[in-house]
Amino acid sequence: MKKAVNFEKDLLEAYEKGELVSTSPSKKEKEKFKAAAQATFLKDRRVNIRLSSPDLMDIQARALEEGVPYQTLIASVLHKFVSGRLVEKPSRLTSRSTRTAKKQASG
């Protein structure tokens, strides 16, 4: 917690000294951001999916942490996935078939 307080103090001091400079996006950048926002929030189709109760509860808990409705969180995750911005971390677990093959090869 102290790090955050110190960081905030440093920001305030920099602001008061005039060291922070406000930058505004160009007109072209504003149009680009506007188009991206409109495309992101355009919801013209309904989809029904079935989820396990534990998965839905986890999604709802995560949405609560993020301060967004859970359906919005689901839509955001799907949008990031299809746009290539959702990066999957490699699993530390091995599949059963991989373990079985390793056992057979060593045995």
PDB file of N, CA and C in Angstrom:
ATOM      1  N   MET A   1       0.816  -1.190   0.000  1.00  0.00           N
ATOM      2  CA  MET A   1       0.000   0.000   0.000  1.00  0.00           C
ATOM      3  C   MET A   1       0.863   1.258   0.000  1.00  0.00           C
ATOM      4  N   LYS A   2       2.002   1.204   0.685  1.00  0.00           N
ATOM      5  CA  LYS A   2       2.867   2.373   0.754  1.00  0.00           C
ATOM      6  C   LYS A   2       3.403   2.749  -0.619  1.00  0.00           C
ATOM      7  N   LYS A   3       3.668   1.741  -1.462  1.00  0.00           N
ATOM      8  CA  LYS A   3       4.173   2.030  -2.806  1.00  0.00           C
ATOM      9  C   LYS A   3       3.167   2.862  -3.582  1.00  0.00           C
ATOM     10  N   ALA A   4       1.887   2.504  -3.471  1.00  0.00           N
ATOM     11  CA  ALA A   4       0.845   3.248  -4.176  1.00  0.00           C
ATOM     12  C   ALA A   4       0.760   4.671  -3.650  1.00  0.00           C
ATOM     13  N   VAL A   5       0.876   4.848  -2.346  1.00  0.00           N
ATOM     14  CA  VAL A   5       0.811   6.185  -1.757  1.00  0.00           C
ATOM     15  C   VAL A   5       1.994   7.013  -2.228  1.00  0.00           C
ATOM     16  N   ASN A   6       3.186   6.427  -2.215  1.00  0.00           N
ATOM     17  CA  ASN A   6       4.371   7.148  -2.688  1.00  0.00           C
ATOM     18  C   ASN A   6       4.245   7.507  -4.165  1.00  0.00           C
ATOM     19  N   PHE A   7       3.717   6.579  -4.952  1.00  0.00           N
ATOM     20  CA  PHE A   7       3.530   6.830  -6.378  1.00  0.00           C
ATOM     21  C   PHE A   7       2.575   8.004  -6.585  1.00  0.00           C
ATOM     22  N   GLU A   8       1.499   8.022  -5.813  1.00  0.00           N
ATOM     23  CA  GLU A   8       0.533   9.108  -5.920  1.00  0.00           C
ATOM     24  C   GLU A   8       1.155  10.436  -5.510  1.00  0.00           C
ATOM     25  N   LYS A   9       1.958  10.430  -4.461  1.00  0.00           N
ATOM     26  CA  LYS A   9       2.642  11.650  -4.028  1.00  0.00           C
ATOM     27  C   LYS A   9       3.583  12.147  -5.115  1.00  0.00           C
ATOM     28  N   ASP A  10       4.328  11.212  -5.732  1.00  0.00           N
ATOM     29  CA  ASP A  10       5.242  11.585  -6.816  1.00  0.00           C
ATOM     30  C   ASP A  10       4.478  12.196  -7.987  1.00  0.00           C
ATOM     31  N   LEU A  11       3.331  11.615  -8.315  1.00  0.00           N
ATOM     32  CA  LEU A  11       2.522  12.170  -9.398  1.00  0.00           C
ATOM     33  C   LEU A  11       2.037  13.573  -9.070  1.00  0.00           C
ATOM     34  N   LEU A  12       1.567  13.760  -7.857  1.00  0.00           N
ATOM     35  CA  LEU A  12       1.075  15.063  -7.436  1.00  0.00           C
ATOM     36  C   LEU A  12       2.179  16.102  -7.484  1.00  0.00           C
ATOM     37  N   GLU A  13       3.355  15.742  -6.996  1.00  0.00           N
ATOM     38  CA  GLU A  13       4.493  16.664  -7.029  1.00  0.00           C
ATOM     39  C   GLU A  13       4.867  17.019  -8.463  1.00  0.00           C
ATOM     40  N   ALA A  14       4.900  16.023  -9.340  1.00  0.00           N
ATOM     41  CA  ALA A  14       5.232  16.273 -10.749  1.00  0.00           C
ATOM     42  C   ALA A  14       4.192  17.184 -11.383  1.00  0.00           C
ATOM     43  N   TYR A  15       2.924  16.972 -11.052  1.00  0.00           N
ATOM     44  CA  TYR A  15       1.855  17.817 -11.593  1.00  0.00           C
ATOM     45  C   TYR A  15       2.010  19.265 -11.119  1.00  0.00           C
ATOM     46  N   GLU A  16       2.269  19.410  -9.826  1.00  0.00           N
ATOM     47  CA  GLU A  16       2.400  20.754  -9.259  1.00  0.00           C
ATOM     48  C   GLU A  16       3.618  21.489  -9.814  1.00  0.00           C
ATOM     49  N   LYS A  17       4.662  20.767 -10.177  1.00  0.00           N
ATOM     50  CA  LYS A  17       5.856  21.383 -10.765  1.00  0.00           C
ATOM     51  C   LYS A  17       5.682  21.665 -12.251  1.00  0.00           C
ATOM     52  N   GLY A  18       4.592  21.180 -12.828  1.00  0.00           N
ATOM     53  CA  GLY A  18       4.357  21.392 -14.258  1.00  0.00           C
ATOM     54  C   GLY A  18       5.121  20.426 -15.136  1.00  0.00           C
ATOM     55  N   GLU A  19       5.552  19.311 -14.559  1.00  0.00           N
ATOM     56  CA  GLU A  19       6.328  18.330 -15.315  1.00  0.00           C
ATOM     57  C   GLU A  19       5.452  17.415 -16.168  1.00  0.00           C
ATOM     58  N   LEU A  20       4.181  17.341 -15.850  1.00  0.00           N
ATOM     59  CA  LEU A  20       3.275  16.490 -16.622  1.00  0.00           C
ATOM     60  C   LEU A  20       2.636  17.308 -17.729  1.00  0.00           C
ATOM     61  N   VAL A  21       2.631  16.741 -18.911  1.00  0.00           N
ATOM     62  CA  VAL A  21       2.094  17.434 -20.067  1.00  0.00           C
ATOM     63  C   VAL A  21       0.905  16.649 -20.594  1.00  0.00           C
ATOM     64  N   SER A  22      -0.205  17.328 -20.776  1.00  0.00           N
ATOM     65  CA  SER A  22      -1.394  16.699 -21.321  1.00  0.00           C
ATOM     66  C   SER A  22      -1.242  16.579 -22.827  1.00  0.00           C
ATOM     67  N   THR A  23      -1.551  15.427 -23.357  1.00  0.00           N
ATOM     68  CA  THR A  23      -1.503  15.238 -24.804  1.00  0.00           C
ATOM     69  C   THR A  23      -2.890  14.899 -25.294  1.00  0.00           C
ATOM     70  N   SER A  24      -3.224  15.430 -26.423  1.00  0.00           N
ATOM     71  CA  SER A  24      -4.530  15.158 -27.018  1.00  0.00           C
ATOM     72  C   SER A  24      -4.324  14.359 -28.291  1.00  0.00           C
ATOM     73  N   PRO A  25      -5.185  13.376 -28.526  1.00  0.00           N
ATOM     74  CA  PRO A  25      -5.065  12.622 -29.780  1.00  0.00           C
ATOM     75  C   PRO A  25      -5.409  13.509 -30.968  1.00  0.00           C
ATOM     76  N   SER A  26      -4.800  13.199 -32.099  1.00  0.00           N
ATOM     77  CA  SER A  26      -5.088  13.959 -33.316  1.00  0.00           C
ATOM     78  C   SER A  26      -6.510  13.650 -33.781  1.00  0.00           C
ATOM     79  N   LYS A  27      -6.988  14.426 -34.722  1.00  0.00           N
ATOM     80  CA  LYS A  27      -8.338  14.207 -35.246  1.00  0.00           C
ATOM     81  C   LYS A  27      -8.440  12.818 -35.879  1.00  0.00           C
ATOM     82  N   LYS A  28      -7.387  12.410 -36.566  1.00  0.00           N
ATOM     83  CA  LYS A  28      -7.361  11.086 -37.195  1.00  0.00           C
ATOM     84  C   LYS A  28      -7.419   9.984 -36.132  1.00  0.00           C
ATOM     85  N   GLU A  29      -6.652  10.166 -35.052  1.00  0.00           N
ATOM     86  CA  GLU A  29      -6.663   9.182 -33.966  1.00  0.00           C
ATOM     87  C   GLU A  29      -8.031   9.122 -33.295  1.00  0.00           C
ATOM     88  N   LYS A  30      -8.669  10.284 -33.093  1.00  0.00           N
ATOM     89  CA  LYS A  30      -9.999  10.319 -32.485  1.00  0.00           C
ATOM     90  C   LYS A  30     -11.005   9.548 -33.337  1.00  0.00           C
ATOM     91  N   GLU A  31     -10.939   9.729 -34.652  1.00  0.00           N
ATOM     92  CA  GLU A  31     -11.847   9.009 -35.545  1.00  0.00           C
ATOM     93  C   GLU A  31     -11.602   7.505 -35.483  1.00  0.00           C
ATOM     94  N   LYS A  32     -10.339   7.134 -35.399  1.00  0.00           N
ATOM     95  CA  LYS A  32      -9.980   5.714 -35.297  1.00  0.00           C
ATOM     96  C   LYS A  32     -10.536   5.115 -34.003  1.00  0.00           C
ATOM     97  N   PHE A  33     -10.359   5.823 -32.889  1.00  0.00           N
ATOM     98  CA  PHE A  33     -10.870   5.353 -31.599  1.00  0.00           C
ATOM     99  C   PHE A  33     -12.392   5.277 -31.609  1.00  0.00           C
ATOM    100  N   LYS A  34     -13.024   6.266 -32.227  1.00  0.00           N
ATOM    101  CA  LYS A  34     -14.483   6.300 -32.293  1.00  0.00           C
ATOM    102  C   LYS A  34     -15.013   5.099 -33.073  1.00  0.00           C
ATOM    103  N   ALA A  35     -14.387   4.812 -34.206  1.00  0.00           N
ATOM    104  CA  ALA A  35     -14.809   3.677 -35.035  1.00  0.00           C
ATOM    105  C   ALA A  35     -14.611   2.356 -34.289  1.00  0.00           C
ATOM    106  N   ALA A  36     -13.493   2.236 -33.580  1.00  0.00           N
ATOM    107  CA  ALA A  36     -13.223   1.013 -32.816  1.00  0.00           C
ATOM    108  C   ALA A  36     -14.242   0.840 -31.695  1.00  0.00           C
ATOM    109  N   ALA A  37     -14.575   1.919 -31.021  1.00  0.00           N
ATOM    110  CA  ALA A  37     -15.556   1.848 -29.938  1.00  0.00           C
ATOM    111  C   ALA A  37     -16.926   1.463 -30.470  1.00  0.00           C
ATOM    112  N   GLN A  38     -17.314   2.049 -31.576  1.00  0.00           N
ATOM    113  CA  GLN A  38     -18.625   1.719 -32.155  1.00  0.00           C
ATOM    114  C   GLN A  38     -18.675   0.259 -32.580  1.00  0.00           C
ATOM    115  N   ALA A  39     -17.597  -0.234 -33.175  1.00  0.00           N
ATOM    116  CA  ALA A  39     -17.561  -1.633 -33.605  1.00  0.00           C
ATOM    117  C   ALA A  39     -17.590  -2.569 -32.407  1.00  0.00           C
ATOM    118  N   THR A  40     -16.939  -2.173 -31.331  1.00  0.00           N
ATOM    119  CA  THR A  40     -16.882  -3.005 -30.134  1.00  0.00           C
ATOM    120  C   THR A  40     -18.239  -3.106 -29.450  1.00  0.00           C
ATOM    121  N   PHE A  41     -18.953  -2.012 -29.406  1.00  0.00           N
ATOM    122  CA  PHE A  41     -20.199  -1.987 -28.651  1.00  0.00           C
ATOM    123  C   PHE A  41     -21.437  -2.257 -29.484  1.00  0.00           C
ATOM    124  N   LEU A  42     -21.262  -2.529 -30.764  1.00  0.00           N
ATOM    125  CA  LEU A  42     -22.398  -2.874 -31.606  1.00  0.00           C
ATOM    126  C   LEU A  42     -22.799  -4.307 -31.288  1.00  0.00           C
ATOM    127  N   LYS A  43     -23.962  -4.440 -30.719  1.00  0.00           N
ATOM    128  CA  LYS A  43     -24.450  -5.775 -30.359  1.00  0.00           C
ATOM    129  C   LYS A  43     -25.799  -5.962 -31.031  1.00  0.00           C
ATOM    130  N   ASP A  44     -25.789  -6.636 -32.168  1.00  0.00           N
ATOM    131  CA  ASP A  44     -27.024  -6.794 -32.930  1.00  0.00           C
ATOM    132  C   ASP A  44     -27.473  -8.246 -33.040  1.00  0.00           C
ATOM    133  N   ARG A  45     -26.772  -9.161 -32.355  1.00  0.00           N
ATOM    134  CA  ARG A  45     -27.136 -10.577 -32.402  1.00  0.00           C
ATOM    135  C   ARG A  45     -27.183 -11.152 -31.000  1.00  0.00           C
ATOM    136  N   ARG A  46     -28.071 -12.102 -30.818  1.00  0.00           N
ATOM    137  CA  ARG A  46     -28.204 -12.774 -29.523  1.00  0.00           C
ATOM    138  C   ARG A  46     -27.657 -14.198 -29.674  1.00  0.00           C
ATOM    139  N   VAL A  47     -26.931 -14.649 -28.658  1.00  0.00           N
ATOM    140  CA  VAL A  47     -26.372 -15.999 -28.641  1.00  0.00           C
ATOM    141  C   VAL A  47     -26.695 -16.619 -27.290  1.00  0.00           C
ATOM    142  N   ASN A  48     -27.136 -17.846 -27.305  1.00  0.00           N
ATOM    143  CA  ASN A  48     -27.379 -18.579 -26.069  1.00  0.00           C
ATOM    144  C   ASN A  48     -26.329 -19.669 -25.935  1.00  0.00           C
ATOM    145  N   ILE A  49     -25.726 -19.773 -24.758  1.00  0.00           N
ATOM    146  CA  ILE A  49     -24.738 -20.816 -24.510  1.00  0.00           C
ATOM    147  C   ILE A  49     -25.043 -21.476 -23.167  1.00  0.00           C
ATOM    148  N   ARG A  50     -24.577 -22.685 -23.026  1.00  0.00           N
ATOM    149  CA  ARG A  50     -24.707 -23.384 -21.746  1.00  0.00           C
ATOM    150  C   ARG A  50     -23.325 -23.419 -21.102  1.00  0.00           C
ATOM    151  N   LEU A  51     -23.284 -23.087 -19.817  1.00  0.00           N
ATOM    152  CA  LEU A  51     -22.050 -23.110 -19.050  1.00  0.00           C
ATOM    153  C   LEU A  51     -22.273 -23.937 -17.797  1.00  0.00           C
ATOM    154  N   SER A  52     -21.204 -24.485 -17.274  1.00  0.00           N
ATOM    155  CA  SER A  52     -21.331 -25.176 -15.992  1.00  0.00           C
ATOM    156  C   SER A  52     -21.558 -24.118 -14.905  1.00  0.00           C
ATOM    157  N   SER A  53     -22.228 -24.517 -13.851  1.00  0.00           N
ATOM    158  CA  SER A  53     -22.493 -23.578 -12.749  1.00  0.00           C
ATOM    159  C   SER A  53     -21.208 -22.997 -12.164  1.00  0.00           C
ATOM    160  N   PRO A  54     -20.170 -23.837 -11.934  1.00  0.00           N
ATOM    161  CA  PRO A  54     -18.930 -23.261 -11.391  1.00  0.00           C
ATOM    162  C   PRO A  54     -18.287 -22.234 -12.334  1.00  0.00           C
ATOM    163  N   ASP A  55     -18.306 -22.508 -13.658  1.00  0.00           N
ATOM    164  CA  ASP A  55     -17.736 -21.550 -14.603  1.00  0.00           C
ATOM    165  C   ASP A  55     -18.507 -20.234 -14.577  1.00  0.00           C
ATOM    166  N   LEU A  56     -19.831 -20.322 -14.557  1.00  0.00           N
ATOM    167  CA  LEU A  56     -20.641 -19.103 -14.525  1.00  0.00           C
ATOM    168  C   LEU A  56     -20.390 -18.327 -13.240  1.00  0.00           C
ATOM    169  N   MET A  57     -20.284 -19.030 -12.125  1.00  0.00           N
ATOM    170  CA  MET A  57     -20.016 -18.351 -10.856  1.00  0.00           C
ATOM    171  C   MET A  57     -18.651 -17.661 -10.887  1.00  0.00           C
ATOM    172  N   ASP A  58     -17.648 -18.312 -11.484  1.00  0.00           N
ATOM    173  CA  ASP A  58     -16.321 -17.696 -11.606  1.00  0.00           C
ATOM    174  C   ASP A  58     -16.366 -16.468 -12.504  1.00  0.00           C
ATOM    175  N   ILE A  59     -17.110 -16.565 -13.600  1.00  0.00           N
ATOM    176  CA  ILE A  59     -17.248 -15.426 -14.517  1.00  0.00           C
ATOM    177  C   ILE A  59     -17.938 -14.270 -13.800  1.00  0.00           C
ATOM    178  N   GLN A  60     -18.996 -14.569 -13.065  1.00  0.00           N
ATOM    179  CA  GLN A  60     -19.715 -13.521 -12.347  1.00  0.00           C
ATOM    180  C   GLN A  60     -18.829 -12.873 -11.286  1.00  0.00           C
ATOM    181  N   ALA A  61     -18.015 -13.678 -10.603  1.00  0.00           N
ATOM    182  CA  ALA A  61     -17.105 -13.136  -9.597  1.00  0.00           C
ATOM    183  C   ALA A  61     -16.064 -12.234 -10.249  1.00  0.00           C
ATOM    184  N   ARG A  62     -15.507 -12.683 -11.372  1.00  0.00           N
ATOM    185  CA  ARG A  62     -14.514 -11.867 -12.086  1.00  0.00           C
ATOM    186  C   ARG A  62     -15.129 -10.573 -12.587  1.00  0.00           C
ATOM    187  N   ALA A  63     -16.351 -10.652 -13.100  1.00  0.00           N
ATOM    188  CA  ALA A  63     -17.044  -9.454 -13.581  1.00  0.00           C
ATOM    189  C   ALA A  63     -17.271  -8.477 -12.430  1.00  0.00           C
ATOM    190  N   LEU A  64     -17.617  -8.993 -11.272  1.00  0.00           N
ATOM    191  CA  LEU A  64     -17.815  -8.144 -10.108  1.00  0.00           C
ATOM    192  C   LEU A  64     -16.517  -7.435  -9.741  1.00  0.00           C
ATOM    193  N   GLU A  65     -15.398  -8.167  -9.790  1.00  0.00           N
ATOM    194  CA  GLU A  65     -14.082  -7.565  -9.511  1.00  0.00           C
ATOM    195  C   GLU A  65     -13.774  -6.454 -10.500  1.00  0.00           C
ATOM    196  N   GLU A  66     -14.135  -6.679 -11.769  1.00  0.00           N
ATOM    197  CA  GLU A  66     -13.851  -5.698 -12.825  1.00  0.00           C
ATOM    198  C   GLU A  66     -14.861  -4.558 -12.851  1.00  0.00           C
ATOM    199  N   GLY A  67     -15.992  -4.752 -12.157  1.00  0.00           N
ATOM    200  CA  GLY A  67     -17.013  -3.710 -12.124  1.00  0.00           C
ATOM    201  C   GLY A  67     -17.846  -3.629 -13.388  1.00  0.00           C
ATOM    202  N   VAL A  68     -18.025  -4.774 -14.058  1.00  0.00           N
ATOM    203  CA  VAL A  68     -18.839  -4.815 -15.273  1.00  0.00           C
ATOM    204  C   VAL A  68     -19.858  -5.943 -15.160  1.00  0.00           C
ATOM    205  N   PRO A  69     -20.953  -5.852 -15.896  1.00  0.00           N
ATOM    206  CA  PRO A  69     -21.905  -6.972 -15.905  1.00  0.00           C
ATOM    207  C   PRO A  69     -21.247  -8.217 -16.498  1.00  0.00           C
ATOM    208  N   TYR A  70     -21.646  -9.383 -16.015  1.00  0.00           N
ATOM    209  CA  TYR A  70     -20.971 -10.605 -16.450  1.00  0.00           C
ATOM    210  C   TYR A  70     -21.158 -10.873 -17.941  1.00  0.00           C
ATOM    211  N   GLN A  71     -22.309 -10.498 -18.509  1.00  0.00           N
ATOM    212  CA  GLN A  71     -22.518 -10.706 -19.943  1.00  0.00           C
ATOM    213  C   GLN A  71     -21.585  -9.808 -20.758  1.00  0.00           C
ATOM    214  N   THR A  72     -21.319  -8.611 -20.246  1.00  0.00           N
ATOM    215  CA  THR A  72     -20.382  -7.708 -20.910  1.00  0.00           C
ATOM    216  C   THR A  72     -18.975  -8.299 -20.880  1.00  0.00           C
ATOM    217  N   LEU A  73     -18.605  -8.891 -19.748  1.00  0.00           N
ATOM    218  CA  LEU A  73     -17.289  -9.529 -19.633  1.00  0.00           C
ATOM    219  C   LEU A  73     -17.157 -10.673 -20.634  1.00  0.00           C
ATOM    220  N   ILE A  74     -18.186 -11.501 -20.737  1.00  0.00           N
ATOM    221  CA  ILE A  74     -18.152 -12.613 -21.685  1.00  0.00           C
ATOM    222  C   ILE A  74     -17.991 -12.085 -23.111  1.00  0.00           C
ATOM    223  N   ALA A  75     -18.775 -11.060 -23.455  1.00  0.00           N
ATOM    224  CA  ALA A  75     -18.690 -10.482 -24.806  1.00  0.00           C
ATOM    225  C   ALA A  75     -17.304  -9.907 -25.065  1.00  0.00           C
ATOM    226  N   SER A  76     -16.716  -9.275 -24.059  1.00  0.00           N
ATOM    227  CA  SER A  76     -15.381  -8.688 -24.204  1.00  0.00           C
ATOM    228  C   SER A  76     -14.323  -9.758 -24.431  1.00  0.00           C
ATOM    229  N   VAL A  77     -14.402 -10.842 -23.664  1.00  0.00           N
ATOM    230  CA  VAL A  77     -13.438 -11.942 -23.820  1.00  0.00           C
ATOM    231  C   VAL A  77     -13.562 -12.549 -25.222  1.00  0.00           C
ATOM    232  N   LEU A  78     -14.782 -12.770 -25.665  1.00  0.00           N
ATOM    233  CA  LEU A  78     -14.984 -13.329 -27.003  1.00  0.00           C
ATOM    234  C   LEU A  78     -14.466 -12.383 -28.075  1.00  0.00           C
ATOM    235  N   HIS A  79     -14.722 -11.085 -27.907  1.00  0.00           N
ATOM    236  CA  HIS A  79     -14.237 -10.099 -28.886  1.00  0.00           C
ATOM    237  C   HIS A  79     -12.708 -10.106 -28.943  1.00  0.00           C
ATOM    238  N   LYS A  80     -12.065 -10.129 -27.787  1.00  0.00           N
ATOM    239  CA  LYS A  80     -10.605 -10.157 -27.759  1.00  0.00           C
ATOM    240  C   LYS A  80     -10.078 -11.430 -28.413  1.00  0.00           C
ATOM    241  N   PHE A  81     -10.758 -12.552 -28.198  1.00  0.00           N
ATOM    242  CA  PHE A  81     -10.317 -13.808 -28.796  1.00  0.00           C
ATOM    243  C   PHE A  81     -10.392 -13.744 -30.319  1.00  0.00           C
ATOM    244  N   VAL A  82     -11.532 -13.323 -30.858  1.00  0.00           N
ATOM    245  CA  VAL A  82     -11.675 -13.335 -32.315  1.00  0.00           C
ATOM    246  C   VAL A  82     -10.835 -12.257 -32.990  1.00  0.00           C
ATOM    247  N   SER A  83     -10.476 -11.202 -32.249  1.00  0.00           N
ATOM    248  CA  SER A  83      -9.640 -10.160 -32.842  1.00  0.00           C
ATOM    249  C   SER A  83      -8.150 -10.435 -32.642  1.00  0.00           C
ATOM    250  N   GLY A  84      -7.824 -11.567 -31.995  1.00  0.00           N
ATOM    251  CA  GLY A  84      -6.426 -11.956 -31.828  1.00  0.00           C
ATOM    252  C   GLY A  84      -5.722 -11.259 -30.685  1.00  0.00           C
ATOM    253  N   ARG A  85      -6.462 -10.584 -29.813  1.00  0.00           N
ATOM    254  CA  ARG A  85      -5.839  -9.863 -28.706  1.00  0.00           C
ATOM    255  C   ARG A  85      -5.874 -10.645 -27.401  1.00  0.00           C
ATOM    256  N   LEU A  86      -6.486 -11.812 -27.405  1.00  0.00           N
ATOM    257  CA  LEU A  86      -6.517 -12.652 -26.214  1.00  0.00           C
ATOM    258  C   LEU A  86      -5.429 -13.697 -26.369  1.00  0.00           C
ATOM    259  N   VAL A  87      -4.438 -13.642 -25.512  1.00  0.00           N
ATOM    260  CA  VAL A  87      -3.292 -14.541 -25.607  1.00  0.00           C
ATOM    261  C   VAL A  87      -3.447 -15.636 -24.579  1.00  0.00           C
ATOM    262  N   GLU A  88      -3.397 -16.870 -25.030  1.00  0.00           N
ATOM    263  CA  GLU A  88      -3.528 -18.016 -24.137  1.00  0.00           C
ATOM    264  C   GLU A  88      -2.157 -18.376 -23.593  1.00  0.00           C
ATOM    265  N   LYS A  89      -2.086 -18.502 -22.284  1.00  0.00           N
ATOM    266  CA  LYS A  89      -0.836 -18.916 -21.651  1.00  0.00           C
ATOM    267  C   LYS A  89      -0.709 -20.422 -21.791  1.00  0.00           C
ATOM    268  N   PRO A  90       0.492 -20.932 -22.058  1.00  0.00           N
ATOM    269  CA  PRO A  90       0.667 -22.385 -22.145  1.00  0.00           C
ATOM    270  C   PRO A  90       0.316 -23.036 -20.816  1.00  0.00           C
ATOM    271  N   SER A  91      -0.366 -24.145 -20.880  1.00  0.00           N
ATOM    272  CA  SER A  91      -0.763 -24.856 -19.674  1.00  0.00           C
ATOM    273  C   SER A  91       0.426 -25.606 -19.097  1.00  0.00           C
ATOM    274  N   ARG A  92       0.481 -25.634 -17.773  1.00  0.00           N
ATOM    275  CA  ARG A  92       1.528 -26.411 -17.108  1.00  0.00           C
ATOM    276  C   ARG A  92       1.125 -27.863 -16.996  1.00  0.00           C
ATOM    277  N   LEU A  93      -0.135 -28.129 -17.263  1.00  0.00           N
ATOM    278  CA  LEU A  93      -0.633 -29.499 -17.180  1.00  0.00           C
ATOM    279  C   LEU A  93      -0.404 -30.225 -18.490  1.00  0.00           C
ATOM    280  N   THR A  94      -0.186 -31.503 -18.398  1.00  0.00           N
ATOM    281  CA  THR A  94      -0.058 -32.306 -19.612  1.00  0.00           C
ATOM    282  C   THR A  94      -1.329 -33.125 -19.769  1.00  0.00           C
ATOM    283  N   SER A  95      -1.669 -33.394 -20.990  1.00  0.00           N
ATOM    284  CA  SER A  95      -2.888 -34.172 -21.217  1.00  0.00           C
ATOM    285  C   SER A  95      -2.649 -35.612 -20.807  1.00  0.00           C
ATOM    286  N   ARG A  96      -3.712 -36.336 -20.574  1.00  0.00           N
ATOM    287  CA  ARG A  96      -3.591 -37.743 -20.174  1.00  0.00           C
ATOM    288  C   ARG A  96      -2.930 -38.567 -21.261  1.00  0.00           C
ATOM    289  N   SER A  97      -3.243 -38.258 -22.515  1.00  0.00           N
ATOM    290  CA  SER A  97      -2.671 -39.039 -23.610  1.00  0.00           C
ATOM    291  C   SER A  97      -1.161 -38.833 -23.689  1.00  0.00           C
ATOM    292  N   THR A  98      -0.687 -37.634 -23.367  1.00  0.00           N
ATOM    293  CA  THR A  98       0.759 -37.367 -23.393  1.00  0.00           C
ATOM    294  C   THR A  98       1.455 -38.144 -22.282  1.00  0.00           C
ATOM    295  N   ARG A  99       0.849 -38.153 -21.088  1.00  0.00           N
ATOM    296  CA  ARG A  99       1.457 -38.894 -19.977  1.00  0.00           C
ATOM    297  C   ARG A  99       1.468 -40.380 -20.252  1.00  0.00           C
ATOM    298  N   THR A 100       0.395 -40.893 -20.830  1.00  0.00           N
ATOM    299  CA  THR A 100       0.313 -42.318 -21.124  1.00  0.00           C
ATOM    300  C   THR A 100       1.373 -42.705 -22.146  1.00  0.00           C
ATOM    301  N   ALA A 101       1.544 -41.862 -23.163  1.00  0.00           N
ATOM    302  CA  ALA A 101       2.545 -42.141 -24.192  1.00  0.00           C
ATOM    303  C   ALA A 101       3.962 -42.128 -23.593  1.00  0.00           C
ATOM    304  N   LYS A 102       4.222 -41.195 -22.663  1.00  0.00           N
ATOM    305  CA  LYS A 102       5.548 -41.135 -22.030  1.00  0.00           C
ATOM    306  C   LYS A 102       5.788 -42.376 -21.174  1.00  0.00           C
ATOM    307  N   LYS A 103       4.754 -42.811 -20.448  1.00  0.00           N
ATOM    308  CA  LYS A 103       4.897 -44.013 -19.607  1.00  0.00           C
ATOM    309  C   LYS A 103       5.189 -45.226 -20.467  1.00  0.00           C
ATOM    310  N   GLN A 104       4.465 -45.351 -21.593  1.00  0.00           N
ATOM    311  CA  GLN A 104       4.658 -46.498 -22.469  1.00  0.00           C
ATOM    312  C   GLN A 104       6.055 -46.487 -23.093  1.00  0.00           C
ATOM    313  N   ALA A 105       6.546 -45.297 -23.431  1.00  0.00           N
ATOM    314  CA  ALA A 105       7.862 -45.189 -24.054  1.00  0.00           C
ATOM    315  C   ALA A 105       8.973 -45.514 -23.057  1.00  0.00           C
ATOM    316  N   SER A 106       8.767 -45.143 -21.771  1.00  0.00           N
ATOM    317  CA  SER A 106       9.814 -45.414 -20.789  1.00  0.00           C
ATOM    318  C   SER A 106       9.720 -46.818 -20.203  1.00  0.00           C
ATOM    319  N   GLY A 107       8.562 -47.480 -20.350  1.00  0.00           N
ATOM    320  CA  GLY A 107       8.349 -48.778 -19.716  1.00  0.00           C
ATOM    321  C   GLY A 107       8.663 -49.924 -20.555  1.00  0.00           C
TER     322      GLY A 107
END
